[in-house]
Full PDB file with SEQRES, HELIX, SHEET, SSBOND, CRYST1, ORIGX, SCALE, CONECT and MASTER records, all heavy atoms in Angstrom:
SEQRES   1 A   32  GLU ASP THR ALA VAL TYR TYR CYS ALA ALA VAL PRO THR          
SEQRES   2 A   32  GLN GLY SER PHE SER LEU PRO ARG PRO TYR GLU TYR ASP          
SEQRES   3 A   32  TYR TRP GLY GLN GLY THR                                      
HELIX    1 AA1 PRO A   22  GLU A   24  5                                   3    
SHEET    1 AA1 2 ALA A   9  ALA A  10  0                                        
SHEET    2 AA1 2 TYR A  27  TRP A  28 -1                                        
CRYST1    1.000    1.000    1.000  90.00  90.00  90.00 P 1           1          
ORIGX1      1.000000  0.000000  0.000000        0.00000                         
ORIGX2      0.000000  1.000000  0.000000        0.00000                         
ORIGX3      0.000000  0.000000  1.000000        0.00000                         
SCALE1      1.000000  0.000000  0.000000        0.00000                         
SCALE2      0.000000  1.000000  0.000000        0.00000                         
SCALE3      0.000000  0.000000  1.000000        0.00000                         
ATOM      1  N   GLU A   1     -19.376 -31.708  10.847  1.00  0.00           N  
ATOM      2  CA  GLU A   1     -20.319 -30.639  11.108  1.00  0.00           C  
ATOM      3  C   GLU A   1     -19.901 -29.296  10.526  1.00  0.00           C  
ATOM      4  O   GLU A   1     -20.670 -28.339  10.558  1.00  0.00           O  
ATOM      5  CB  GLU A   1     -20.588 -30.487  12.611  1.00  0.00           C  
ATOM      6  CG  GLU A   1     -19.333 -30.372  13.449  1.00  0.00           C  
ATOM      7  CD  GLU A   1     -18.926 -31.690  14.072  1.00  0.00           C  
ATOM      8  OE1 GLU A   1     -18.944 -32.715  13.368  1.00  0.00           O  
ATOM      9  OE2 GLU A   1     -18.596 -31.685  15.281  1.00  0.00           O  
ATOM     10  N   ASP A   2     -18.687 -29.215   9.995  1.00  0.00           N  
ATOM     11  CA  ASP A   2     -18.254 -28.010   9.289  1.00  0.00           C  
ATOM     12  C   ASP A   2     -18.770 -27.976   7.854  1.00  0.00           C  
ATOM     13  O   ASP A   2     -18.602 -26.968   7.168  1.00  0.00           O  
ATOM     14  CB  ASP A   2     -16.732 -27.909   9.270  1.00  0.00           C  
ATOM     15  CG  ASP A   2     -16.140 -27.689  10.647  1.00  0.00           C  
ATOM     16  OD1 ASP A   2     -16.709 -26.914  11.434  1.00  0.00           O  
ATOM     17  OD2 ASP A   2     -15.083 -28.303  10.933  1.00  0.00           O  
ATOM     18  N   THR A   3     -19.366 -29.062   7.404  1.00  0.00           N  
ATOM     19  CA  THR A   3     -19.905 -29.121   6.055  1.00  0.00           C  
ATOM     20  C   THR A   3     -20.981 -28.059   5.867  1.00  0.00           C  
ATOM     21  O   THR A   3     -21.941 -27.999   6.630  1.00  0.00           O  
ATOM     22  CB  THR A   3     -20.491 -30.509   5.764  1.00  0.00           C  
ATOM     23  OG1 THR A   3     -19.441 -31.476   5.783  1.00  0.00           O  
ATOM     24  CG2 THR A   3     -21.175 -30.547   4.403  1.00  0.00           C  
ATOM     25  N   ALA A   4     -20.810 -27.226   4.859  1.00  0.00           N  
ATOM     26  CA  ALA A   4     -21.740 -26.128   4.615  1.00  0.00           C  
ATOM     27  C   ALA A   4     -21.314 -25.382   3.362  1.00  0.00           C  
ATOM     28  O   ALA A   4     -20.224 -25.596   2.835  1.00  0.00           O  
ATOM     29  CB  ALA A   4     -21.766 -25.160   5.799  1.00  0.00           C  
ATOM     30  N   VAL A   5     -22.189 -24.505   2.898  1.00  0.00           N  
ATOM     31  CA  VAL A   5     -21.801 -23.522   1.904  1.00  0.00           C  
ATOM     32  C   VAL A   5     -21.231 -22.335   2.659  1.00  0.00           C  
ATOM     33  O   VAL A   5     -21.885 -21.796   3.553  1.00  0.00           O  
ATOM     34  CB  VAL A   5     -22.988 -23.084   1.030  1.00  0.00           C  
ATOM     35  CG1 VAL A   5     -22.560 -21.979   0.069  1.00  0.00           C  
ATOM     36  CG2 VAL A   5     -23.548 -24.272   0.254  1.00  0.00           C  
ATOM     37  N   TYR A   6     -20.028 -21.943   2.315  1.00  0.00           N  
ATOM     38  CA  TYR A   6     -19.357 -20.843   2.983  1.00  0.00           C  
ATOM     39  C   TYR A   6     -19.453 -19.587   2.135  1.00  0.00           C  
ATOM     40  O   TYR A   6     -19.137 -19.598   0.946  1.00  0.00           O  
ATOM     41  CB  TYR A   6     -17.894 -21.192   3.252  1.00  0.00           C  
ATOM     42  CG  TYR A   6     -17.725 -22.129   4.414  1.00  0.00           C  
ATOM     43  CD1 TYR A   6     -18.114 -23.460   4.314  1.00  0.00           C  
ATOM     44  CD2 TYR A   6     -17.203 -21.680   5.629  1.00  0.00           C  
ATOM     45  CE1 TYR A   6     -17.992 -24.321   5.388  1.00  0.00           C  
ATOM     46  CE2 TYR A   6     -17.071 -22.539   6.707  1.00  0.00           C  
ATOM     47  CZ  TYR A   6     -17.467 -23.859   6.577  1.00  0.00           C  
ATOM     48  OH  TYR A   6     -17.337 -24.709   7.646  1.00  0.00           O  
ATOM     49  N   TYR A   7     -19.881 -18.500   2.764  1.00  0.00           N  
ATOM     50  CA  TYR A   7     -20.095 -17.238   2.079  1.00  0.00           C  
ATOM     51  C   TYR A   7     -19.145 -16.166   2.590  1.00  0.00           C  
ATOM     52  O   TYR A   7     -18.929 -16.038   3.791  1.00  0.00           O  
ATOM     53  CB  TYR A   7     -21.528 -16.743   2.290  1.00  0.00           C  
ATOM     54  CG  TYR A   7     -22.590 -17.636   1.704  1.00  0.00           C  
ATOM     55  CD1 TYR A   7     -23.179 -18.629   2.467  1.00  0.00           C  
ATOM     56  CD2 TYR A   7     -23.006 -17.467   0.392  1.00  0.00           C  
ATOM     57  CE1 TYR A   7     -24.158 -19.446   1.937  1.00  0.00           C  
ATOM     58  CE2 TYR A   7     -23.981 -18.277  -0.150  1.00  0.00           C  
ATOM     59  CZ  TYR A   7     -24.561 -19.268   0.627  1.00  0.00           C  
ATOM     60  OH  TYR A   7     -25.537 -20.066   0.088  1.00  0.00           O  
ATOM     61  N   CYS A   8     -18.613 -15.395   1.683  1.00  0.00           N  
ATOM     62  CA  CYS A   8     -17.844 -14.214   2.010  1.00  0.00           C  
ATOM     63  C   CYS A   8     -18.792 -13.024   2.074  1.00  0.00           C  
ATOM     64  O   CYS A   8     -19.750 -12.936   1.294  1.00  0.00           O  
ATOM     65  CB  CYS A   8     -16.771 -13.987   0.943  1.00  0.00           C  
ATOM     66  SG  CYS A   8     -15.712 -12.553   1.206  1.00  0.00           S  
ATOM     67  N   ALA A   9     -18.542 -12.109   3.001  1.00  0.00           N  
ATOM     68  CA  ALA A   9     -19.402 -10.944   3.165  1.00  0.00           C  
ATOM     69  C   ALA A   9     -18.574  -9.706   3.469  1.00  0.00           C  
ATOM     70  O   ALA A   9     -17.447  -9.802   3.962  1.00  0.00           O  
ATOM     71  CB  ALA A   9     -20.416 -11.185   4.284  1.00  0.00           C  
ATOM     72  N   ALA A  10     -19.147  -8.539   3.185  1.00  0.00           N  
ATOM     73  CA  ALA A  10     -18.462  -7.274   3.416  1.00  0.00           C  
ATOM     74  C   ALA A  10     -19.432  -6.222   3.913  1.00  0.00           C  
ATOM     75  O   ALA A  10     -20.633  -6.275   3.615  1.00  0.00           O  
ATOM     76  CB  ALA A  10     -17.789  -6.791   2.133  1.00  0.00           C  
ATOM     77  N   VAL A  11     -18.914  -5.261   4.663  1.00  0.00           N  
ATOM     78  CA  VAL A  11     -19.725  -4.146   5.142  1.00  0.00           C  
ATOM     79  C   VAL A  11     -18.822  -2.962   5.447  1.00  0.00           C  
ATOM     80  O   VAL A  11     -17.729  -3.144   6.002  1.00  0.00           O  
ATOM     81  CB  VAL A  11     -20.537  -4.548   6.400  1.00  0.00           C  
ATOM     82  CG1 VAL A  11     -19.635  -4.914   7.566  1.00  0.00           C  
ATOM     83  CG2 VAL A  11     -21.506  -3.439   6.787  1.00  0.00           C  
ATOM     84  N   PRO A  12     -19.231  -1.744   5.082  1.00  0.00           N  
ATOM     85  CA  PRO A  12     -18.442  -0.573   5.470  1.00  0.00           C  
ATOM     86  C   PRO A  12     -18.531  -0.359   6.970  1.00  0.00           C  
ATOM     87  O   PRO A  12     -19.590  -0.534   7.575  1.00  0.00           O  
ATOM     88  CB  PRO A  12     -19.102   0.568   4.695  1.00  0.00           C  
ATOM     89  CG  PRO A  12     -20.496   0.108   4.445  1.00  0.00           C  
ATOM     90  CD  PRO A  12     -20.398  -1.384   4.256  1.00  0.00           C  
ATOM     91  N   THR A  13     -17.412   0.035   7.573  1.00  0.00           N  
ATOM     92  CA  THR A  13     -17.359   0.228   9.020  1.00  0.00           C  
ATOM     93  C   THR A  13     -16.836   1.616   9.361  1.00  0.00           C  
ATOM     94  O   THR A  13     -16.522   2.414   8.494  1.00  0.00           O  
ATOM     95  CB  THR A  13     -16.470  -0.839   9.688  1.00  0.00           C  
ATOM     96  OG1 THR A  13     -15.115  -0.690   9.236  1.00  0.00           O  
ATOM     97  CG2 THR A  13     -16.967  -2.238   9.352  1.00  0.00           C  
ATOM     98  N   GLN A  14     -16.724   1.890  10.664  1.00  0.00           N  
ATOM     99  CA  GLN A  14     -16.347   3.213  11.143  1.00  0.00           C  
ATOM    100  C   GLN A  14     -14.888   3.547  10.912  1.00  0.00           C  
ATOM    101  O   GLN A  14     -14.538   4.719  10.752  1.00  0.00           O  
ATOM    102  CB  GLN A  14     -16.660   3.337  12.640  1.00  0.00           C  
ATOM    103  CG  GLN A  14     -18.087   2.987  13.020  1.00  0.00           C  
ATOM    104  CD  GLN A  14     -19.103   3.880  12.357  1.00  0.00           C  
ATOM    105  OE1 GLN A  14     -18.850   5.065  12.114  1.00  0.00           O  
ATOM    106  NE2 GLN A  14     -20.261   3.326  12.059  1.00  0.00           N  
ATOM    107  N   GLY A  15     -14.036   2.535  10.913  1.00  0.00           N  
ATOM    108  CA  GLY A  15     -12.618   2.779  10.757  1.00  0.00           C  
ATOM    109  C   GLY A  15     -11.857   1.520  10.415  1.00  0.00           C  
ATOM    110  O   GLY A  15     -12.441   0.440  10.293  1.00  0.00           O  
ATOM    111  N   SER A  16     -10.557   1.661  10.287  1.00  0.00           N  
ATOM    112  CA  SER A  16      -9.728   0.556   9.833  1.00  0.00           C  
ATOM    113  C   SER A  16      -9.628  -0.586  10.826  1.00  0.00           C  
ATOM    114  O   SER A  16      -9.245  -1.692  10.436  1.00  0.00           O  
ATOM    115  CB  SER A  16      -8.327   1.063   9.493  1.00  0.00           C  
ATOM    116  OG  SER A  16      -7.693   1.619  10.631  1.00  0.00           O  
ATOM    117  N   PHE A  17      -9.966  -0.337  12.079  1.00  0.00           N  
ATOM    118  CA  PHE A  17      -9.873  -1.359  13.115  1.00  0.00           C  
ATOM    119  C   PHE A  17     -11.229  -1.902  13.542  1.00  0.00           C  
ATOM    120  O   PHE A  17     -11.307  -2.732  14.443  1.00  0.00           O  
ATOM    121  CB  PHE A  17      -9.147  -0.805  14.346  1.00  0.00           C  
ATOM    122  CG  PHE A  17      -7.769  -0.302  14.055  1.00  0.00           C  
ATOM    123  CD1 PHE A  17      -7.533   1.049  13.895  1.00  0.00           C  
ATOM    124  CD2 PHE A  17      -6.707  -1.173  13.932  1.00  0.00           C  
ATOM    125  CE1 PHE A  17      -6.257   1.523  13.625  1.00  0.00           C  
ATOM    126  CE2 PHE A  17      -5.431  -0.712  13.657  1.00  0.00           C  
ATOM    127  CZ  PHE A  17      -5.210   0.634  13.504  1.00  0.00           C  
ATOM    128  N   SER A  18     -12.286  -1.453  12.894  1.00  0.00           N  
ATOM    129  CA  SER A  18     -13.633  -1.812  13.310  1.00  0.00           C  
ATOM    130  C   SER A  18     -14.023  -3.224  12.894  1.00  0.00           C  
ATOM    131  O   SER A  18     -13.689  -3.683  11.803  1.00  0.00           O  
ATOM    132  CB  SER A  18     -14.648  -0.826  12.741  1.00  0.00           C  
ATOM    133  OG  SER A  18     -14.420   0.477  13.225  1.00  0.00           O  
ATOM    134  N   LEU A  19     -14.757  -3.890  13.775  1.00  0.00           N  
ATOM    135  CA  LEU A  19     -15.352  -5.183  13.481  1.00  0.00           C  
ATOM    136  C   LEU A  19     -16.868  -5.051  13.567  1.00  0.00           C  
ATOM    137  O   LEU A  19     -17.395  -4.604  14.576  1.00  0.00           O  
ATOM    138  CB  LEU A  19     -14.876  -6.249  14.463  1.00  0.00           C  
ATOM    139  CG  LEU A  19     -13.464  -6.793  14.253  1.00  0.00           C  
ATOM    140  CD1 LEU A  19     -13.080  -7.694  15.417  1.00  0.00           C  
ATOM    141  CD2 LEU A  19     -13.370  -7.549  12.940  1.00  0.00           C  
ATOM    142  N   PRO A  20     -17.577  -5.451  12.522  1.00  0.00           N  
ATOM    143  CA  PRO A  20     -19.037  -5.335  12.545  1.00  0.00           C  
ATOM    144  C   PRO A  20     -19.686  -6.467  13.324  1.00  0.00           C  
ATOM    145  O   PRO A  20     -19.061  -7.491  13.604  1.00  0.00           O  
ATOM    146  CB  PRO A  20     -19.399  -5.416  11.065  1.00  0.00           C  
ATOM    147  CG  PRO A  20     -18.346  -6.320  10.498  1.00  0.00           C  
ATOM    148  CD  PRO A  20     -17.081  -5.963  11.248  1.00  0.00           C  
ATOM    149  N   ARG A  21     -20.937  -6.257  13.657  1.00  0.00           N  
ATOM    150  CA  ARG A  21     -21.727  -7.326  14.233  1.00  0.00           C  
ATOM    151  C   ARG A  21     -22.189  -8.233  13.102  1.00  0.00           C  
ATOM    152  O   ARG A  21     -22.318  -7.795  11.953  1.00  0.00           O  
ATOM    153  CB  ARG A  21     -22.921  -6.747  14.990  1.00  0.00           C  
ATOM    154  CG  ARG A  21     -22.509  -5.915  16.189  1.00  0.00           C  
ATOM    155  CD  ARG A  21     -23.659  -5.102  16.720  1.00  0.00           C  
ATOM    156  NE  ARG A  21     -23.261  -4.286  17.859  1.00  0.00           N  
ATOM    157  CZ  ARG A  21     -24.004  -3.342  18.410  1.00  0.00           C  
ATOM    158  NH1 ARG A  21     -25.219  -3.086  17.925  1.00  0.00           N  
ATOM    159  NH2 ARG A  21     -23.543  -2.656  19.435  1.00  0.00           N  
ATOM    160  N   PRO A  22     -22.451  -9.500  13.378  1.00  0.00           N  
ATOM    161  CA  PRO A  22     -22.798 -10.440  12.300  1.00  0.00           C  
ATOM    162  C   PRO A  22     -23.975 -10.023  11.429  1.00  0.00           C  
ATOM    163  O   PRO A  22     -24.003 -10.355  10.236  1.00  0.00           O  
ATOM    164  CB  PRO A  22     -23.112 -11.734  13.068  1.00  0.00           C  
ATOM    165  CG  PRO A  22     -22.253 -11.642  14.283  1.00  0.00           C  
ATOM    166  CD  PRO A  22     -22.282 -10.181  14.666  1.00  0.00           C  
ATOM    167  N   TYR A  23     -24.932  -9.290  11.990  1.00  0.00           N  
ATOM    168  CA  TYR A  23     -26.114  -8.916  11.228  1.00  0.00           C  
ATOM    169  C   TYR A  23     -25.919  -7.672  10.371  1.00  0.00           C  
ATOM    170  O   TYR A  23     -26.827  -7.277   9.644  1.00  0.00           O  
ATOM    171  CB  TYR A  23     -27.309  -8.697  12.164  1.00  0.00           C  
ATOM    172  CG  TYR A  23     -27.114  -7.594  13.169  1.00  0.00           C  
ATOM    173  CD1 TYR A  23     -27.341  -6.269  12.837  1.00  0.00           C  
ATOM    174  CD2 TYR A  23     -26.716  -7.895  14.469  1.00  0.00           C  
ATOM    175  CE1 TYR A  23     -27.162  -5.259  13.770  1.00  0.00           C  
ATOM    176  CE2 TYR A  23     -26.541  -6.892  15.412  1.00  0.00           C  
ATOM    177  CZ  TYR A  23     -26.758  -5.573  15.054  1.00  0.00           C  
ATOM    178  OH  TYR A  23     -26.593  -4.574  15.979  1.00  0.00           O  
ATOM    179  N   GLU A  24     -24.752  -7.051  10.439  1.00  0.00           N  
ATOM    180  CA  GLU A  24     -24.540  -5.779   9.767  1.00  0.00           C  
ATOM    181  C   GLU A  24     -24.037  -5.884   8.326  1.00  0.00           C  
ATOM    182  O   GLU A  24     -23.947  -4.873   7.642  1.00  0.00           O  
ATOM    183  CB  GLU A  24     -23.566  -4.917  10.566  1.00  0.00           C  
ATOM    184  CG  GLU A  24     -24.117  -4.449  11.908  1.00  0.00           C  
ATOM    185  CD  GLU A  24     -23.134  -3.593  12.674  1.00  0.00           C  
ATOM    186  OE1 GLU A  24     -21.936  -3.928  12.694  1.00  0.00           O  
ATOM    187  OE2 GLU A  24     -23.566  -2.574  13.258  1.00  0.00           O  
ATOM    188  N   TYR A  25     -23.717  -7.057   7.847  1.00  0.00           N  
ATOM    189  CA  TYR A  25     -23.109  -7.197   6.530  1.00  0.00           C  
ATOM    190  C   TYR A  25     -24.078  -6.859   5.407  1.00  0.00           C  
ATOM    191  O   TYR A  25     -25.249  -7.248   5.446  1.00  0.00           O  
ATOM    192  CB  TYR A  25     -22.555  -8.607   6.349  1.00  0.00           C  
ATOM    193  CG  TYR A  25     -21.336  -8.836   7.205  1.00  0.00           C  
ATOM    194  CD1 TYR A  25     -21.458  -9.213   8.530  1.00  0.00           C  
ATOM    195  CD2 TYR A  25     -20.064  -8.657   6.678  1.00  0.00           C  
ATOM    196  CE1 TYR A  25     -20.336  -9.397   9.321  1.00  0.00           C  
ATOM    197  CE2 TYR A  25     -18.945  -8.848   7.464  1.00  0.00           C  
ATOM    198  CZ  TYR A  25     -19.079  -9.216   8.781  1.00  0.00           C  
ATOM    199  OH  TYR A  25     -17.958  -9.403   9.562  1.00  0.00           O  
ATOM    200  N   ASP A  26     -23.578  -6.150   4.414  1.00  0.00           N  
ATOM    201  CA  ASP A  26     -24.402  -5.659   3.308  1.00  0.00           C  
ATOM    202  C   ASP A  26     -24.195  -6.403   1.997  1.00  0.00           C  
ATOM    203  O   ASP A  26     -25.104  -6.466   1.168  1.00  0.00           O  
ATOM    204  CB  ASP A  26     -24.109  -4.177   3.051  1.00  0.00           C  
ATOM    205  CG  ASP A  26     -24.507  -3.286   4.196  1.00  0.00           C  
ATOM    206  OD1 ASP A  26     -25.543  -3.553   4.836  1.00  0.00           O  
ATOM    207  OD2 ASP A  26     -23.788  -2.299   4.447  1.00  0.00           O  
ATOM    208  N   TYR A  27     -23.002  -6.929   1.780  1.00  0.00           N  
ATOM    209  CA  TYR A  27     -22.664  -7.540   0.506  1.00  0.00           C  
ATOM    210  C   TYR A  27     -22.233  -8.981   0.707  1.00  0.00           C  
ATOM    211  O   TYR A  27     -21.572  -9.316   1.690  1.00  0.00           O  
ATOM    212  CB  TYR A  27     -21.549  -6.747  -0.189  1.00  0.00           C  
ATOM    213  CG  TYR A  27     -21.896  -5.292  -0.366  1.00  0.00           C  
ATOM    214  CD1 TYR A  27     -21.418  -4.333   0.516  1.00  0.00           C  
ATOM    215  CD2 TYR A  27     -22.714  -4.880  -1.414  1.00  0.00           C  
ATOM    216  CE1 TYR A  27     -21.750  -2.995   0.362  1.00  0.00           C  
ATOM    217  CE2 TYR A  27     -23.051  -3.542  -1.570  1.00  0.00           C  
ATOM    218  CZ  TYR A  27     -22.563  -2.604  -0.677  1.00  0.00           C  
ATOM    219  OH  TYR A  27     -22.895  -1.283  -0.834  1.00  0.00           O  
ATOM    220  N   TRP A  28     -22.584  -9.811  -0.275  1.00  0.00           N  
ATOM    221  CA  TRP A  28     -22.365 -11.250  -0.142  1.00  0.00           C  
ATOM    222  C   TRP A  28     -21.852 -11.866  -1.430  1.00  0.00           C  
ATOM    223  O   TRP A  28     -22.207 -11.438  -2.528  1.00  0.00           O  
ATOM    224  CB  TRP A  28     -23.669 -11.951   0.252  1.00  0.00           C  
ATOM    225  CG  TRP A  28     -24.211 -11.463   1.544  1.00  0.00           C  
ATOM    226  CD1 TRP A  28     -25.008 -10.379   1.749  1.00  0.00           C  
ATOM    227  CD2 TRP A  28     -23.984 -12.043   2.826  1.00  0.00           C  
ATOM    228  NE1 TRP A  28     -25.282 -10.236   3.084  1.00  0.00           N  
ATOM    229  CE2 TRP A  28     -24.674 -11.244   3.765  1.00  0.00           C  
ATOM    230  CE3 TRP A  28     -23.269 -13.155   3.271  1.00  0.00           C  
ATOM    231  CZ2 TRP A  28     -24.663 -11.529   5.123  1.00  0.00           C  
ATOM    232  CZ3 TRP A  28     -23.259 -13.441   4.619  1.00  0.00           C  
ATOM    233  CH2 TRP A  28     -23.952 -12.640   5.532  1.00  0.00           C  
ATOM    234  N   GLY A  29     -21.015 -12.872  -1.290  1.00  0.00           N  
ATOM    235  CA  GLY A  29     -20.580 -13.652  -2.430  1.00  0.00           C  
ATOM    236  C   GLY A  29     -21.570 -14.755  -2.738  1.00  0.00           C  
ATOM    237  O   GLY A  29     -22.615 -14.889  -2.092  1.00  0.00           O  
ATOM    238  N   GLN A  30     -21.240 -15.558  -3.732  1.00  0.00           N  
ATOM    239  CA  GLN A  30     -22.152 -16.612  -4.177  1.00  0.00           C  
ATOM    240  C   GLN A  30     -22.033 -17.885  -3.355  1.00  0.00           C  
ATOM    241  O   GLN A  30     -22.905 -18.754  -3.433  1.00  0.00           O  
ATOM    242  CB  GLN A  30     -21.904 -16.930  -5.653  1.00  0.00           C  
ATOM    243  CG  GLN A  30     -20.758 -17.905  -5.932  1.00  0.00           C  
ATOM    244  CD  GLN A  30     -19.378 -17.327  -5.681  1.00  0.00           C  
ATOM    245  OE1 GLN A  30     -19.198 -16.124  -5.512  1.00  0.00           O  
ATOM    246  NE2 GLN A  30     -18.367 -18.201  -5.658  1.00  0.00           N  
ATOM    247  N   GLY A  31     -20.974 -18.010  -2.596  1.00  0.00           N  
ATOM    248  CA  GLY A  31     -20.763 -19.173  -1.762  1.00  0.00           C  
ATOM    249  C   GLY A  31     -19.891 -20.230  -2.405  1.00  0.00           C  
ATOM    250  O   GLY A  31     -19.818 -20.346  -3.625  1.00  0.00           O  
ATOM    251  N   THR A  32     -19.217 -20.998  -1.571  1.00  0.00           N  
ATOM    252  CA  THR A  32     -18.421 -22.126  -2.030  1.00  0.00           C  
ATOM    253  C   THR A  32     -18.675 -23.306  -1.097  1.00  0.00           C  
ATOM    254  O   THR A  32     -18.714 -23.150   0.120  1.00  0.00           O  
ATOM    255  CB  THR A  32     -16.920 -21.767  -2.096  1.00  0.00           C  
ATOM    256  OG1 THR A  32     -16.184 -22.855  -2.663  1.00  0.00           O  
ATOM    257  CG2 THR A  32     -16.356 -21.427  -0.724  1.00  0.00           C  
TER     258      THR A  32                                                      
MASTER        0    0    0    1    2    0    0    6  257    1    0    3          
END                                                                             
């Protein structure tokens, strides 16, 4: 069930320790 296309994502945050919510990501890779 782990079978899938896995995507890397990035988003600017408030600080070095911040974790975004899943819907906040702005940039995406092509997937593997």
